C-alpha atoms as a PDB file:
ATOM      1  CA  MET A   1     110.399   4.498   1.456  1.00  0.00           C
ATOM      2  CA  LEU A   2     109.629   1.213   3.216  1.00  0.00           C
ATOM      3  CA  THR A   3     105.850   1.630   3.146  1.00  0.00           C
ATOM      4  CA  GLU A   4     105.463   2.530  -0.562  1.00  0.00           C
ATOM      5  CA  PRO A   5     104.596  -1.072  -1.652  1.00  0.00           C
ATOM      6  CA  ILE A   6     101.897  -1.356   1.036  1.00  0.00           C
ATOM      7  CA  GLN A   7      98.438  -0.710  -0.386  1.00  0.00           C
ATOM      8  CA  LYS A   8      95.544   0.543   1.684  1.00  0.00           C
ATOM      9  CA  GLY A   9      92.328  -1.442   1.822  1.00  0.00           C
ATOM     10  CA  ILE A  10      91.184  -4.822   3.055  1.00  0.00           C
ATOM     11  CA  VAL A  11      93.872  -6.815   4.886  1.00  0.00           C
ATOM     12  CA  ASP A  12      94.076 -10.605   4.509  1.00  0.00           C
ATOM     13  CA  LEU A  13      95.615 -11.929   7.741  1.00  0.00           C
ATOM     14  CA  GLU A  14      95.507 -15.567   6.531  1.00  0.00           C
ATOM     15  CA  GLN A  15      97.446 -15.063   3.258  1.00  0.00           C
ATOM     16  CA  PRO A  16      98.951 -11.578   3.131  1.00  0.00           C
ATOM     17  CA  ASP A  17     100.653 -10.297  -0.029  1.00  0.00           C
ATOM     18  CA  ILE A  18     103.356  -8.518   1.972  1.00  0.00           C
ATOM     19  CA  ILE A  19     104.504  -8.967   5.574  1.00  0.00           C
ATOM     20  CA  VAL A  20     106.186  -6.236   7.620  1.00  0.00           C
ATOM     21  CA  LYS A  21     108.817  -8.226   9.513  1.00  0.00           C
ATOM     22  CA  VAL A  22     110.414  -6.758  12.629  1.00  0.00           C
ATOM     23  CA  GLU A  23     113.440  -8.445  14.195  1.00  0.00           C
ATOM     24  CA  ILE A  24     115.024  -7.265  17.436  1.00  0.00           C
ATOM     25  CA  ILE A  25     118.389  -8.584  18.583  1.00  0.00           C
ATOM     26  CA  GLY A  26     119.698  -6.912  21.700  1.00  0.00           C
ATOM     27  CA  SER A  27     119.737  -3.165  21.103  1.00  0.00           C
ATOM     28  CA  TYR A  28     119.387  -3.520  17.317  1.00  0.00           C
ATOM     29  CA  ALA A  29     116.148  -3.622  15.329  1.00  0.00           C
ATOM     30  CA  GLY A  30     115.557  -4.385  11.672  1.00  0.00           C
ATOM     31  CA  PHE A  31     112.478  -3.952   9.499  1.00  0.00           C
ATOM     32  CA  SER A  32     111.804  -5.563   6.136  1.00  0.00           C
ATOM     33  CA  LEU A  33     108.983  -6.247   3.702  1.00  0.00           C
ATOM     34  CA  VAL A  34     108.796  -9.911   2.681  1.00  0.00           C
ATOM     35  CA  THR A  35     106.398 -12.317   1.017  1.00  0.00           C
ATOM     36  CA  MET A  36     105.353 -15.636   2.578  1.00  0.00           C
ATOM     37  CA  GLU A  37     107.898 -17.415   0.319  1.00  0.00           C
ATOM     38  CA  GLU A  38     110.730 -15.154   1.473  1.00  0.00           C
ATOM     39  CA  GLN A  39     110.051 -15.596   5.174  1.00  0.00           C
ATOM     40  CA  LEU A  40     112.413 -18.018   6.950  1.00  0.00           C
ATOM     41  CA  ASP A  41     110.883 -20.299   9.595  1.00  0.00           C
ATOM     42  CA  ILE A  42     113.838 -21.255  11.789  1.00  0.00           C
ATOM     43  CA  ASN A  43     111.895 -24.094  13.433  1.00  0.00           C
ATOM     44  CA  GLU A  44     111.184 -25.615  10.024  1.00  0.00           C
ATOM     45  CA  VAL A  45     114.897 -25.474   9.187  1.00  0.00           C
ATOM     46  CA  ARG A  46     115.821 -27.024  12.564  1.00  0.00           C
ATOM     47  CA  SER A  47     113.326 -29.866  11.965  1.00  0.00           C
ATOM     48  CA  LEU A  48     114.765 -30.524   8.502  1.00  0.00           C
ATOM     49  CA  ILE A  49     118.281 -30.966   9.917  1.00  0.00           C
ATOM     50  CA  GLY A  50     117.159 -33.042  12.893  1.00  0.00           C
ATOM     51  CA  LEU A  51     117.349 -30.469  15.696  1.00  0.00           C
ATOM     52  CA  ALA A  52     114.704 -29.741  18.326  1.00  0.00           C
ATOM     53  CA  ARG A  53     112.269 -26.912  17.744  1.00  0.00           C
ATOM     54  CA  ILE A  54     112.650 -23.655  19.684  1.00  0.00           C
ATOM     55  CA  ARG A  55     109.637 -22.535  21.727  1.00  0.00           C
END
């Protein structure tokens, strides 16, 4: 089950252990559990290759 790795207790919003990521594209939605290292920041990637950031 998706929520099994989530532990109850105090939540650290500054440096969470696990992030519940929700992505919606059109009529499709996806959910995943990721760490900060696994999360992709598309604006960071765009900056690295010389493209403008997306608002």
